Amino acid sequence: MRPNITRLEADAIEKLKANRDIVIKSADKGGTVVVRDRKLYELEGLRQLTTTHYYTEIERPLANETVTLLQNTLNDIYRSGFLSEKQLRYLSPEVPENPGHFTSFLRYINLGTDGHILIYDP
């Protein structure tokens, strides 16, 4: 199968991917790729996390307690006859192996039909 980009374009993409001073992410809409300065990206993530209206720091991971609470609730709904056994199995949560892992999702919106006009939405 023939590549759909030139060798020069492929080399440019590799150089961008290797550059630790930038962050490359997919936009929320339209499949556009956004390139952003890493320091600005991290500052925005920190700003969002320190906005206590949306986020509150917790003293310990709550995954085990949350899974237990959700499973007990699902079991009650199943016993009441509102869930089938198949639905119960499908909805039953598993304890994540690494509940402390955090991924930052900063939003970008593509407004242009050519994929070049972007609005950053913190």
PDB file of N, CA and C in Angstrom:
ATOM      1  N   MET A   1       0.839  -1.169   0.000  1.00  0.00           N
ATOM      2  CA  MET A   1       0.000   0.000   0.000  1.00  0.00           C
ATOM      3  C   MET A   1       0.894   1.246   0.000  1.00  0.00           C
ATOM      4  N   ARG A   2       0.566   2.214  -0.806  1.00  0.00           N
ATOM      5  CA  ARG A   2       1.320   3.460  -0.890  1.00  0.00           C
ATOM      6  C   ARG A   2       0.948   4.398   0.248  1.00  0.00           C
ATOM      7  N   PRO A   3       1.932   5.050   0.846  1.00  0.00           N
ATOM      8  CA  PRO A   3       1.621   6.037   1.889  1.00  0.00           C
ATOM      9  C   PRO A   3       0.876   7.223   1.283  1.00  0.00           C
ATOM     10  N   ASN A   4       0.061   7.885   2.091  1.00  0.00           N
ATOM     11  CA  ASN A   4      -0.703   9.033   1.600  1.00  0.00           C
ATOM     12  C   ASN A   4      -0.010  10.367   1.913  1.00  0.00           C
ATOM     13  N   ILE A   5       1.230  10.308   2.423  1.00  0.00           N
ATOM     14  CA  ILE A   5       2.031  11.511   2.648  1.00  0.00           C
ATOM     15  C   ILE A   5       3.422  11.298   2.072  1.00  0.00           C
ATOM     16  N   THR A   6       4.090  12.398   1.815  1.00  0.00           N
ATOM     17  CA  THR A   6       5.438  12.305   1.246  1.00  0.00           C
ATOM     18  C   THR A   6       6.439  11.940   2.332  1.00  0.00           C
ATOM     19  N   ARG A   7       7.609  11.552   1.919  1.00  0.00           N
ATOM     20  CA  ARG A   7       8.679  11.226   2.864  1.00  0.00           C
ATOM     21  C   ARG A   7       9.027  12.463   3.701  1.00  0.00           C
ATOM     22  N   LEU A   8       9.045  13.623   3.077  1.00  0.00           N
ATOM     23  CA  LEU A   8       9.335  14.875   3.770  1.00  0.00           C
ATOM     24  C   LEU A   8       8.295  15.150   4.854  1.00  0.00           C
ATOM     25  N   GLU A   9       7.021  14.911   4.545  1.00  0.00           N
ATOM     26  CA  GLU A   9       5.954  15.100   5.527  1.00  0.00           C
ATOM     27  C   GLU A   9       6.086  14.088   6.668  1.00  0.00           C
ATOM     28  N   ALA A  10       6.417  12.850   6.344  1.00  0.00           N
ATOM     29  CA  ALA A  10       6.603  11.819   7.369  1.00  0.00           C
ATOM     30  C   ALA A  10       7.760  12.180   8.299  1.00  0.00           C
ATOM     31  N   ASP A  11       8.858  12.693   7.730  1.00  0.00           N
ATOM     32  CA  ASP A  11       9.999  13.118   8.551  1.00  0.00           C
ATOM     33  C   ASP A  11       9.610  14.271   9.470  1.00  0.00           C
ATOM     34  N   ALA A  12       8.822  15.221   8.952  1.00  0.00           N
ATOM     35  CA  ALA A  12       8.370  16.355   9.760  1.00  0.00           C
ATOM     36  C   ALA A  12       7.509  15.876  10.928  1.00  0.00           C
ATOM     37  N   ILE A  13       6.641  14.923  10.678  1.00  0.00           N
ATOM     38  CA  ILE A  13       5.784  14.372  11.739  1.00  0.00           C
ATOM     39  C   ILE A  13       6.641  13.698  12.808  1.00  0.00           C
ATOM     40  N   GLU A  14       7.632  12.944  12.410  1.00  0.00           N
ATOM     41  CA  GLU A  14       8.523  12.280  13.370  1.00  0.00           C
ATOM     42  C   GLU A  14       9.271  13.294  14.225  1.00  0.00           C
ATOM     43  N   LYS A  15       9.728  14.383  13.612  1.00  0.00           N
ATOM     44  CA  LYS A  15      10.424  15.427  14.370  1.00  0.00           C
ATOM     45  C   LYS A  15       9.478  16.076  15.378  1.00  0.00           C
ATOM     46  N   LEU A  16       8.239  16.332  14.972  1.00  0.00           N
ATOM     47  CA  LEU A  16       7.263  16.900  15.902  1.00  0.00           C
ATOM     48  C   LEU A  16       6.992  15.952  17.068  1.00  0.00           C
ATOM     49  N   LYS A  17       6.827  14.684  16.776  1.00  0.00           N
ATOM     50  CA  LYS A  17       6.551  13.690  17.821  1.00  0.00           C
ATOM     51  C   LYS A  17       7.703  13.578  18.816  1.00  0.00           C
ATOM     52  N   ALA A  18       8.932  13.807  18.358  1.00  0.00           N
ATOM     53  CA  ALA A  18      10.110  13.690  19.212  1.00  0.00           C
ATOM     54  C   ALA A  18      10.367  14.964  20.028  1.00  0.00           C
ATOM     55  N   ASN A  19       9.712  16.058  19.690  1.00  0.00           N
ATOM     56  CA  ASN A  19       9.935  17.335  20.357  1.00  0.00           C
ATOM     57  C   ASN A  19       9.243  17.336  21.717  1.00  0.00           C
ATOM     58  N   ARG A  20      10.008  17.367  22.802  1.00  0.00           N
ATOM     59  CA  ARG A  20       9.453  17.306  24.155  1.00  0.00           C
ATOM     60  C   ARG A  20       8.903  18.664  24.614  1.00  0.00           C
ATOM     61  N   ASP A  21       9.081  19.728  23.810  1.00  0.00           N
ATOM     62  CA  ASP A  21       8.598  21.052  24.182  1.00  0.00           C
ATOM     63  C   ASP A  21       7.152  21.292  23.760  1.00  0.00           C
ATOM     64  N   ILE A  22       6.557  20.337  23.070  1.00  0.00           N
ATOM     65  CA  ILE A  22       5.181  20.492  22.594  1.00  0.00           C
ATOM     66  C   ILE A  22       4.350  19.282  22.981  1.00  0.00           C
ATOM     67  N   VAL A  23       3.039  19.474  22.970  1.00  0.00           N
ATOM     68  CA  VAL A  23       2.066  18.399  23.202  1.00  0.00           C
ATOM     69  C   VAL A  23       1.217  18.306  21.948  1.00  0.00           C
ATOM     70  N   ILE A  24       1.024  17.093  21.453  1.00  0.00           N
ATOM     71  CA  ILE A  24       0.201  16.867  20.268  1.00  0.00           C
ATOM     72  C   ILE A  24      -1.016  16.055  20.696  1.00  0.00           C
ATOM     73  N   LYS A  25      -2.206  16.612  20.462  1.00  0.00           N
ATOM     74  CA  LYS A  25      -3.463  15.964  20.871  1.00  0.00           C
ATOM     75  C   LYS A  25      -4.481  16.053  19.754  1.00  0.00           C
ATOM     76  N   SER A  26      -5.453  15.153  19.786  1.00  0.00           N
ATOM     77  CA  SER A  26      -6.597  15.237  18.878  1.00  0.00           C
ATOM     78  C   SER A  26      -7.582  16.251  19.425  1.00  0.00           C
ATOM     79  N   ALA A  27      -8.206  17.004  18.547  1.00  0.00           N
ATOM     80  CA  ALA A  27      -9.244  17.950  18.964  1.00  0.00           C
ATOM     81  C   ALA A  27     -10.508  17.172  19.315  1.00  0.00           C
ATOM     82  N   ASP A  28     -11.401  17.798  20.100  1.00  0.00           N
ATOM     83  CA  ASP A  28     -12.671  17.168  20.461  1.00  0.00           C
ATOM     84  C   ASP A  28     -13.532  16.880  19.246  1.00  0.00           C
ATOM     85  N   LYS A  29     -13.553  17.805  18.315  1.00  0.00           N
ATOM     86  CA  LYS A  29     -14.449  17.696  17.161  1.00  0.00           C
ATOM     87  C   LYS A  29     -13.658  17.721  15.864  1.00  0.00           C
ATOM     88  N   GLY A  30     -14.084  16.959  14.911  1.00  0.00           N
ATOM     89  CA  GLY A  30     -13.533  17.055  13.563  1.00  0.00           C
ATOM     90  C   GLY A  30     -12.255  16.295  13.290  1.00  0.00           C
ATOM     91  N   GLY A  31     -11.677  15.649  14.287  1.00  0.00           N
ATOM     92  CA  GLY A  31     -10.478  14.859  14.052  1.00  0.00           C
ATOM     93  C   GLY A  31      -9.229  15.674  13.773  1.00  0.00           C
ATOM     94  N   THR A  32      -9.227  16.953  14.101  1.00  0.00           N
ATOM     95  CA  THR A  32      -8.074  17.812  13.880  1.00  0.00           C
ATOM     96  C   THR A  32      -7.000  17.521  14.914  1.00  0.00           C
ATOM     97  N   VAL A  33      -5.746  17.659  14.516  1.00  0.00           N
ATOM     98  CA  VAL A  33      -4.624  17.516  15.433  1.00  0.00           C
ATOM     99  C   VAL A  33      -4.184  18.902  15.868  1.00  0.00           C
ATOM    100  N   VAL A  34      -3.973  19.074  17.186  1.00  0.00           N
ATOM    101  CA  VAL A  34      -3.580  20.355  17.750  1.00  0.00           C
ATOM    102  C   VAL A  34      -2.189  20.216  18.346  1.00  0.00           C
ATOM    103  N   VAL A  35      -1.332  21.200  18.068  1.00  0.00           N
ATOM    104  CA  VAL A  35       0.013  21.248  18.624  1.00  0.00           C
ATOM    105  C   VAL A  35       0.052  22.421  19.590  1.00  0.00           C
ATOM    106  N   ARG A  36       0.500  22.172  20.824  1.00  0.00           N
ATOM    107  CA  ARG A  36       0.488  23.217  21.851  1.00  0.00           C
ATOM    108  C   ARG A  36       1.796  23.188  22.631  1.00  0.00           C
ATOM    109  N   ASP A  37       2.256  24.352  23.055  1.00  0.00           N
ATOM    110  CA  ASP A  37       3.436  24.463  23.892  1.00  0.00           C
ATOM    111  C   ASP A  37       3.217  23.660  25.182  1.00  0.00           C
ATOM    112  N   ARG A  38       4.170  22.788  25.531  1.00  0.00           N
ATOM    113  CA  ARG A  38       4.009  21.902  26.683  1.00  0.00           C
ATOM    114  C   ARG A  38       3.816  22.680  27.984  1.00  0.00           C
ATOM    115  N   LYS A  39       4.578  23.734  28.207  1.00  0.00           N
ATOM    116  CA  LYS A  39       4.450  24.495  29.455  1.00  0.00           C
ATOM    117  C   LYS A  39       3.062  25.121  29.584  1.00  0.00           C
ATOM    118  N   LEU A  40       2.552  25.689  28.489  1.00  0.00           N
ATOM    119  CA  LEU A  40       1.209  26.267  28.523  1.00  0.00           C
ATOM    120  C   LEU A  40       0.150  25.191  28.748  1.00  0.00           C
ATOM    121  N   TYR A  41       0.335  24.030  28.128  1.00  0.00           N
ATOM    122  CA  TYR A  41      -0.595  22.906  28.289  1.00  0.00           C
ATOM    123  C   TYR A  41      -0.640  22.464  29.753  1.00  0.00           C
ATOM    124  N   GLU A  42       0.530  22.317  30.364  1.00  0.00           N
ATOM    125  CA  GLU A  42       0.592  21.881  31.755  1.00  0.00           C
ATOM    126  C   GLU A  42       0.024  22.943  32.701  1.00  0.00           C
ATOM    127  N   LEU A  43       0.303  24.233  32.413  1.00  0.00           N
ATOM    128  CA  LEU A  43      -0.274  25.300  33.230  1.00  0.00           C
ATOM    129  C   LEU A  43      -1.796  25.287  33.171  1.00  0.00           C
ATOM    130  N   GLU A  44      -2.354  25.043  31.986  1.00  0.00           N
ATOM    131  CA  GLU A  44      -3.809  24.983  31.853  1.00  0.00           C
ATOM    132  C   GLU A  44      -4.380  23.788  32.616  1.00  0.00           C
ATOM    133  N   GLY A  45      -3.706  22.650  32.546  1.00  0.00           N
ATOM    134  CA  GLY A  45      -4.158  21.485  33.307  1.00  0.00           C
ATOM    135  C   GLY A  45      -4.146  21.765  34.803  1.00  0.00           C
ATOM    136  N   LEU A  46      -3.080  22.403  35.285  1.00  0.00           N
ATOM    137  CA  LEU A  46      -2.992  22.766  36.698  1.00  0.00           C
ATOM    138  C   LEU A  46      -4.076  23.768  37.074  1.00  0.00           C
ATOM    139  N   ARG A  47      -4.324  24.746  36.206  1.00  0.00           N
ATOM    140  CA  ARG A  47      -5.392  25.716  36.469  1.00  0.00           C
ATOM    141  C   ARG A  47      -6.736  25.020  36.624  1.00  0.00           C
ATOM    142  N   GLN A  48      -7.007  24.070  35.739  1.00  0.00           N
ATOM    143  CA  GLN A  48      -8.284  23.362  35.819  1.00  0.00           C
ATOM    144  C   GLN A  48      -8.379  22.538  37.090  1.00  0.00           C
ATOM    145  N   LEU A  49      -7.295  21.874  37.463  1.00  0.00           N
ATOM    146  CA  LEU A  49      -7.326  21.029  38.657  1.00  0.00           C
ATOM    147  C   LEU A  49      -7.443  21.833  39.946  1.00  0.00           C
ATOM    148  N   THR A  50      -6.948  23.055  39.942  1.00  0.00           N
ATOM    149  CA  THR A  50      -7.024  23.865  41.150  1.00  0.00           C
ATOM    150  C   THR A  50      -8.310  24.686  41.221  1.00  0.00           C
ATOM    151  N   THR A  51      -9.189  24.550  40.252  1.00  0.00           N
ATOM    152  CA  THR A  51     -10.500  25.201  40.296  1.00  0.00           C
ATOM    153  C   THR A  51     -11.412  24.306  41.134  1.00  0.00           C
ATOM    154  N   THR A  52     -11.569  24.658  42.401  1.00  0.00           N
ATOM    155  CA  THR A  52     -12.278  23.776  43.339  1.00  0.00           C
ATOM    156  C   THR A  52     -13.768  23.646  43.052  1.00  0.00           C
ATOM    157  N   HIS A  53     -14.294  24.474  42.155  1.00  0.00           N
ATOM    158  CA  HIS A  53     -15.694  24.324  41.755  1.00  0.00           C
ATOM    159  C   HIS A  53     -15.910  22.978  41.045  1.00  0.00           C
ATOM    160  N   TYR A  54     -14.873  22.501  40.344  1.00  0.00           N
ATOM    161  CA  TYR A  54     -14.971  21.257  39.572  1.00  0.00           C
ATOM    162  C   TYR A  54     -14.191  20.096  40.180  1.00  0.00           C
ATOM    163  N   TYR A  55     -13.109  20.396  40.859  1.00  0.00           N
ATOM    164  CA  TYR A  55     -12.254  19.342  41.391  1.00  0.00           C
ATOM    165  C   TYR A  55     -11.978  19.581  42.865  1.00  0.00           C
ATOM    166  N   THR A  56     -11.918  18.495  43.633  1.00  0.00           N
ATOM    167  CA  THR A  56     -11.547  18.543  45.033  1.00  0.00           C
ATOM    168  C   THR A  56     -10.478  17.491  45.265  1.00  0.00           C
ATOM    169  N   GLU A  57      -9.407  17.893  45.943  1.00  0.00           N
ATOM    170  CA  GLU A  57      -8.341  16.938  46.235  1.00  0.00           C
ATOM    171  C   GLU A  57      -8.852  15.907  47.249  1.00  0.00           C
ATOM    172  N   ILE A  58      -8.534  14.657  47.006  1.00  0.00           N
ATOM    173  CA  ILE A  58      -8.919  13.598  47.945  1.00  0.00           C
ATOM    174  C   ILE A  58      -7.661  13.092  48.653  1.00  0.00           C
ATOM    175  N   GLU A  59      -7.836  12.614  49.876  1.00  0.00           N
ATOM    176  CA  GLU A  59      -6.692  12.176  50.683  1.00  0.00           C
ATOM    177  C   GLU A  59      -6.225  10.775  50.327  1.00  0.00           C
ATOM    178  N   ARG A  60      -7.099   9.992  49.736  1.00  0.00           N
ATOM    179  CA  ARG A  60      -6.754   8.608  49.395  1.00  0.00           C
ATOM    180  C   ARG A  60      -7.602   8.168  48.213  1.00  0.00           C
ATOM    181  N   PRO A  61      -7.154   7.150  47.494  1.00  0.00           N
ATOM    182  CA  PRO A  61      -7.967   6.644  46.378  1.00  0.00           C
ATOM    183  C   PRO A  61      -9.311   6.117  46.876  1.00  0.00           C
ATOM    184  N   LEU A  62     -10.360   6.394  46.124  1.00  0.00           N
ATOM    185  CA  LEU A  62     -11.717   5.983  46.511  1.00  0.00           C
ATOM    186  C   LEU A  62     -12.274   4.880  45.613  1.00  0.00           C
ATOM    187  N   ALA A  63     -11.433   4.324  44.748  1.00  0.00           N
ATOM    188  CA  ALA A  63     -11.918   3.350  43.763  1.00  0.00           C
ATOM    189  C   ALA A  63     -12.546   2.133  44.423  1.00  0.00           C
ATOM    190  N   ASN A  64     -11.907   1.551  45.425  1.00  0.00           N
ATOM    191  CA  ASN A  64     -12.448   0.338  46.053  1.00  0.00           C
ATOM    192  C   ASN A  64     -13.812   0.602  46.694  1.00  0.00           C
ATOM    193  N   GLU A  65     -13.921   1.713  47.420  1.00  0.00           N
ATOM    194  CA  GLU A  65     -15.195   2.059  48.060  1.00  0.00           C
ATOM    195  C   GLU A  65     -16.279   2.326  47.019  1.00  0.00           C
ATOM    196  N   THR A  66     -15.914   3.020  45.959  1.00  0.00           N
ATOM    197  CA  THR A  66     -16.885   3.348  44.917  1.00  0.00           C
ATOM    198  C   THR A  66     -17.372   2.095  44.216  1.00  0.00           C
ATOM    199  N   VAL A  67     -16.467   1.178  43.914  1.00  0.00           N
ATOM    200  CA  VAL A  67     -16.839  -0.081  43.263  1.00  0.00           C
ATOM    201  C   VAL A  67     -17.765  -0.886  44.167  1.00  0.00           C
ATOM    202  N   THR A  68     -17.448  -0.952  45.451  1.00  0.00           N
ATOM    203  CA  THR A  68     -18.287  -1.697  46.401  1.00  0.00           C
ATOM    204  C   THR A  68     -19.684  -1.081  46.481  1.00  0.00           C
ATOM    205  N   LEU A  69     -19.761   0.239  46.595  1.00  0.00           N
ATOM    206  CA  LEU A  69     -21.054   0.930  46.661  1.00  0.00           C
ATOM    207  C   LEU A  69     -21.865   0.693  45.396  1.00  0.00           C
ATOM    208  N   LEU A  70     -21.224   0.832  44.240  1.00  0.00           N
ATOM    209  CA  LEU A  70     -21.923   0.623  42.970  1.00  0.00           C
ATOM    210  C   LEU A  70     -22.375  -0.829  42.830  1.00  0.00           C
ATOM    211  N   GLN A  71     -21.526  -1.792  43.194  1.00  0.00           N
ATOM    212  CA  GLN A  71     -21.893  -3.202  43.068  1.00  0.00           C
ATOM    213  C   GLN A  71     -23.069  -3.533  43.984  1.00  0.00           C
ATOM    214  N   ASN A  72     -23.059  -3.006  45.205  1.00  0.00           N
ATOM    215  CA  ASN A  72     -24.182  -3.242  46.129  1.00  0.00           C
ATOM    216  C   ASN A  72     -25.482  -2.667  45.568  1.00  0.00           C
ATOM    217  N   THR A  73     -25.405  -1.491  44.975  1.00  0.00           N
ATOM    218  CA  THR A  73     -26.589  -0.867  44.376  1.00  0.00           C
ATOM    219  C   THR A  73     -27.101  -1.702  43.205  1.00  0.00           C
ATOM    220  N   LEU A  74     -26.182  -2.144  42.351  1.00  0.00           N
ATOM    221  CA  LEU A  74     -26.575  -2.994  41.215  1.00  0.00           C
ATOM    222  C   LEU A  74     -27.191  -4.301  41.687  1.00  0.00           C
ATOM    223  N   ASN A  75     -26.633  -4.896  42.732  1.00  0.00           N
ATOM    224  CA  ASN A  75     -27.182  -6.143  43.268  1.00  0.00           C
ATOM    225  C   ASN A  75     -28.608  -5.935  43.789  1.00  0.00           C
ATOM    226  N   ASP A  76     -28.844  -4.803  44.456  1.00  0.00           N
ATOM    227  CA  ASP A  76     -30.201  -4.491  44.941  1.00  0.00           C
ATOM    228  C   ASP A  76     -31.180  -4.359  43.771  1.00  0.00           C
ATOM    229  N   ILE A  77     -30.757  -3.666  42.706  1.00  0.00           N
ATOM    230  CA  ILE A  77     -31.609  -3.487  41.529  1.00  0.00           C
ATOM    231  C   ILE A  77     -31.871  -4.838  40.864  1.00  0.00           C
ATOM    232  N   TYR A  78     -30.860  -5.702  40.802  1.00  0.00           N
ATOM    233  CA  TYR A  78     -31.009  -7.044  40.228  1.00  0.00           C
ATOM    234  C   TYR A  78     -32.022  -7.864  41.043  1.00  0.00           C
ATOM    235  N   ARG A  79     -31.867  -7.824  42.378  1.00  0.00           N
ATOM    236  CA  ARG A  79     -32.780  -8.586  43.248  1.00  0.00           C
ATOM    237  C   ARG A  79     -34.219  -8.084  43.150  1.00  0.00           C
ATOM    238  N   SER A  80     -34.376  -6.790  42.805  1.00  0.00           N
ATOM    239  CA  SER A  80     -35.714  -6.214  42.635  1.00  0.00           C
ATOM    240  C   SER A  80     -36.341  -6.604  41.305  1.00  0.00           C
ATOM    241  N   GLY A  81     -35.559  -7.236  40.423  1.00  0.00           N
ATOM    242  CA  GLY A  81     -36.077  -7.702  39.148  1.00  0.00           C
ATOM    243  C   GLY A  81     -35.972  -6.710  38.003  1.00  0.00           C
ATOM    244  N   PHE A  82     -35.268  -5.614  38.208  1.00  0.00           N
ATOM    245  CA  PHE A  82     -35.148  -4.604  37.156  1.00  0.00           C
ATOM    246  C   PHE A  82     -33.933  -4.808  36.252  1.00  0.00           C
ATOM    247  N   LEU A  83     -33.052  -5.724  36.616  1.00  0.00           N
ATOM    248  CA  LEU A  83     -31.892  -6.072  35.784  1.00  0.00           C
ATOM    249  C   LEU A  83     -31.854  -7.570  35.570  1.00  0.00           C
ATOM    250  N   SER A  84     -31.480  -7.969  34.376  1.00  0.00           N
ATOM    251  CA  SER A  84     -31.247  -9.393  34.134  1.00  0.00           C
ATOM    252  C   SER A  84     -29.839  -9.737  34.623  1.00  0.00           C
ATOM    253  N   GLU A  85     -29.560 -11.032  34.707  1.00  0.00           N
ATOM    254  CA  GLU A  85     -28.220 -11.449  35.122  1.00  0.00           C
ATOM    255  C   GLU A  85     -27.167 -10.967  34.120  1.00  0.00           C
ATOM    256  N   LYS A  86     -27.516 -10.990  32.842  1.00  0.00           N
ATOM    257  CA  LYS A  86     -26.598 -10.521  31.804  1.00  0.00           C
ATOM    258  C   LYS A  86     -26.319  -9.022  31.967  1.00  0.00           C
ATOM    259  N   GLN A  87     -27.368  -8.247  32.254  1.00  0.00           N
ATOM    260  CA  GLN A  87     -27.195  -6.809  32.462  1.00  0.00           C
ATOM    261  C   GLN A  87     -26.343  -6.539  33.702  1.00  0.00           C
ATOM    262  N   LEU A  88     -26.570  -7.324  34.768  1.00  0.00           N
ATOM    263  CA  LEU A  88     -25.794  -7.172  35.994  1.00  0.00           C
ATOM    264  C   LEU A  88     -24.318  -7.421  35.722  1.00  0.00           C
ATOM    265  N   ARG A  89     -24.013  -8.488  34.991  1.00  0.00           N
ATOM    266  CA  ARG A  89     -22.604  -8.785  34.660  1.00  0.00           C
ATOM    267  C   ARG A  89     -21.992  -7.668  33.835  1.00  0.00           C
ATOM    268  N   TYR A  90     -22.751  -7.146  32.871  1.00  0.00           N
ATOM    269  CA  TYR A  90     -22.246  -6.090  31.992  1.00  0.00           C
ATOM    270  C   TYR A  90     -21.962  -4.803  32.771  1.00  0.00           C
ATOM    271  N   LEU A  91     -22.849  -4.447  33.697  1.00  0.00           N
ATOM    272  CA  LEU A  91     -22.721  -3.195  34.430  1.00  0.00           C
ATOM    273  C   LEU A  91     -21.789  -3.274  35.637  1.00  0.00           C
ATOM    274  N   SER A  92     -21.471  -4.490  36.080  1.00  0.00           N
ATOM    275  CA  SER A  92     -20.646  -4.633  37.281  1.00  0.00           C
ATOM    276  C   SER A  92     -19.239  -4.088  37.044  1.00  0.00           C
ATOM    277  N   PRO A  93     -18.793  -3.205  37.931  1.00  0.00           N
ATOM    278  CA  PRO A  93     -17.479  -2.574  37.758  1.00  0.00           C
ATOM    279  C   PRO A  93     -16.349  -3.473  38.244  1.00  0.00           C
ATOM    280  N   GLU A  94     -15.165  -3.165  37.761  1.00  0.00           N
ATOM    281  CA  GLU A  94     -13.951  -3.814  38.248  1.00  0.00           C
ATOM    282  C   GLU A  94     -13.096  -2.746  38.910  1.00  0.00           C
ATOM    283  N   VAL A  95     -12.342  -3.136  39.931  1.00  0.00           N
ATOM    284  CA  VAL A  95     -11.442  -2.193  40.582  1.00  0.00           C
ATOM    285  C   VAL A  95     -10.289  -1.932  39.626  1.00  0.00           C
ATOM    286  N   PRO A  96     -10.020  -0.670  39.302  1.00  0.00           N
ATOM    287  CA  PRO A  96      -8.910  -0.386  38.396  1.00  0.00           C
ATOM    288  C   PRO A  96      -7.576  -0.784  39.018  1.00  0.00           C
ATOM    289  N   GLU A  97      -6.660  -1.262  38.177  1.00  0.00           N
ATOM    290  CA  GLU A  97      -5.349  -1.675  38.679  1.00  0.00           C
ATOM    291  C   GLU A  97      -4.546  -0.486  39.188  1.00  0.00           C
ATOM    292  N   ASN A  98      -4.697   0.662  38.540  1.00  0.00           N
ATOM    293  CA  ASN A  98      -3.947   1.851  38.922  1.00  0.00           C
ATOM    294  C   ASN A  98      -4.926   3.004  39.138  1.00  0.00           C
ATOM    295  N   PRO A  99      -5.622   3.027  40.284  1.00  0.00           N
ATOM    296  CA  PRO A  99      -6.648   4.048  40.473  1.00  0.00           C
ATOM    297  C   PRO A  99      -6.088   5.453  40.624  1.00  0.00           C
ATOM    298  N   GLY A 100      -4.777   5.604  40.813  1.00  0.00           N
ATOM    299  CA  GLY A 100      -4.192   6.921  40.986  1.00  0.00           C
ATOM    300  C   GLY A 100      -3.791   7.589  39.692  1.00  0.00           C
ATOM    301  N   HIS A 101      -3.968   6.934  38.557  1.00  0.00           N
ATOM    302  CA  HIS A 101      -3.538   7.484  37.272  1.00  0.00           C
ATOM    303  C   HIS A 101      -4.475   8.592  36.833  1.00  0.00           C
ATOM    304  N   PHE A 102      -3.903   9.676  36.377  1.00  0.00           N
ATOM    305  CA  PHE A 102      -4.704  10.816  35.922  1.00  0.00           C
ATOM    306  C   PHE A 102      -4.274  11.190  34.514  1.00  0.00           C
ATOM    307  N   THR A 103      -5.233  11.459  33.663  1.00  0.00           N
ATOM    308  CA  THR A 103      -4.945  11.938  32.311  1.00  0.00           C
ATOM    309  C   THR A 103      -5.641  13.268  32.130  1.00  0.00           C
ATOM    310  N   SER A 104      -4.931  14.231  31.596  1.00  0.00           N
ATOM    311  CA  SER A 104      -5.493  15.552  31.373  1.00  0.00           C
ATOM    312  C   SER A 104      -6.194  15.599  30.024  1.00  0.00           C
ATOM    313  N   PHE A 105      -7.384  16.135  30.008  1.00  0.00           N
ATOM    314  CA  PHE A 105      -8.123  16.325  28.762  1.00  0.00           C
ATOM    315  C   PHE A 105      -8.448  17.803  28.629  1.00  0.00           C
ATOM    316  N   LEU A 106      -7.682  18.491  27.806  1.00  0.00           N
ATOM    317  CA  LEU A 106      -7.967  19.885  27.524  1.00  0.00           C
ATOM    318  C   LEU A 106      -8.681  19.934  26.190  1.00  0.00           C
ATOM    319  N   ARG A 107      -9.716  20.771  26.076  1.00  0.00           N
ATOM    320  CA  ARG A 107     -10.563  20.758  24.891  1.00  0.00           C
ATOM    321  C   ARG A 107     -10.106  21.740  23.818  1.00  0.00           C
ATOM    322  N   TYR A 108     -10.205  21.289  22.593  1.00  0.00           N
ATOM    323  CA  TYR A 108      -9.950  22.122  21.431  1.00  0.00           C
ATOM    324  C   TYR A 108     -11.120  21.906  20.481  1.00  0.00           C
ATOM    325  N   ILE A 109     -11.576  22.954  19.832  1.00  0.00           N
ATOM    326  CA  ILE A 109     -12.715  22.831  18.916  1.00  0.00           C
ATOM    327  C   ILE A 109     -12.288  23.273  17.533  1.00  0.00           C
ATOM    328  N   ASN A 110     -12.589  22.484  16.539  1.00  0.00           N
ATOM    329  CA  ASN A 110     -12.278  22.805  15.150  1.00  0.00           C
ATOM    330  C   ASN A 110     -13.477  23.508  14.540  1.00  0.00           C
ATOM    331  N   LEU A 111     -13.279  24.749  14.125  1.00  0.00           N
ATOM    332  CA  LEU A 111     -14.375  25.497  13.509  1.00  0.00           C
ATOM    333  C   LEU A 111     -14.260  25.548  11.989  1.00  0.00           C
ATOM    334  N   GLY A 112     -13.083  25.246  11.445  1.00  0.00           N
ATOM    335  CA  GLY A 112     -12.871  25.392  10.008  1.00  0.00           C
ATOM    336  C   GLY A 112     -13.125  24.107   9.251  1.00  0.00           C
ATOM    337  N   THR A 113     -13.568  24.242   8.030  1.00  0.00           N
ATOM    338  CA  THR A 113     -13.795  23.059   7.206  1.00  0.00           C
ATOM    339  C   THR A 113     -12.481  22.467   6.722  1.00  0.00           C
ATOM    340  N   ASP A 114     -11.414  23.277   6.733  1.00  0.00           N
ATOM    341  CA  ASP A 114     -10.114  22.784   6.286  1.00  0.00           C
ATOM    342  C   ASP A 114      -9.254  22.277   7.437  1.00  0.00           C
ATOM    343  N   GLY A 115      -9.761  22.349   8.651  1.00  0.00           N
ATOM    344  CA  GLY A 115      -9.022  21.856   9.802  1.00  0.00           C
ATOM    345  C   GLY A 115      -7.968  22.817  10.324  1.00  0.00           C
ATOM    346  N   HIS A 116      -7.952  24.058   9.867  1.00  0.00           N
ATOM    347  CA  HIS A 116      -6.909  24.993  10.281  1.00  0.00           C
ATOM    348  C   HIS A 116      -7.376  26.034  11.295  1.00  0.00           C
ATOM    349  N   ILE A 117      -8.651  26.272  11.383  1.00  0.00           N
ATOM    350  CA  ILE A 117      -9.145  27.303  12.285  1.00  0.00           C
ATOM    351  C   ILE A 117      -9.566  26.616  13.580  1.00  0.00           C
ATOM    352  N   LEU A 118      -8.905  26.947  14.687  1.00  0.00           N
ATOM    353  CA  LEU A 118      -9.172  26.283  15.951  1.00  0.00           C
ATOM    354  C   LEU A 118      -9.456  27.312  17.033  1.00  0.00           C
ATOM    355  N   ILE A 119     -10.290  26.922  17.975  1.00  0.00           N
ATOM    356  CA  ILE A 119     -10.498  27.722  19.182  1.00  0.00           C
ATOM    357  C   ILE A 119     -10.114  26.851  20.350  1.00  0.00           C
ATOM    358  N   TYR A 120      -9.258  27.356  21.188  1.00  0.00           N
ATOM    359  CA  TYR A 120      -8.886  26.648  22.405  1.00  0.00           C
ATOM    360  C   TYR A 120      -9.912  26.975  23.464  1.00  0.00           C
ATOM    361  N   ASP A 121     -10.458  25.962  24.123  1.00  0.00           N
ATOM    362  CA  ASP A 121     -11.515  26.156  25.112  1.00  0.00           C
ATOM    363  C   ASP A 121     -11.068  25.543  26.437  1.00  0.00           C
ATOM    364  N   PRO A 122     -10.490  26.361  27.347  1.00  0.00           N
ATOM    365  CA  PRO A 122      -9.992  25.807  28.613  1.00  0.00           C
ATOM    366  C   PRO A 122     -11.112  25.345  29.528  1.00  0.00           C
TER     367      PRO A 122
END
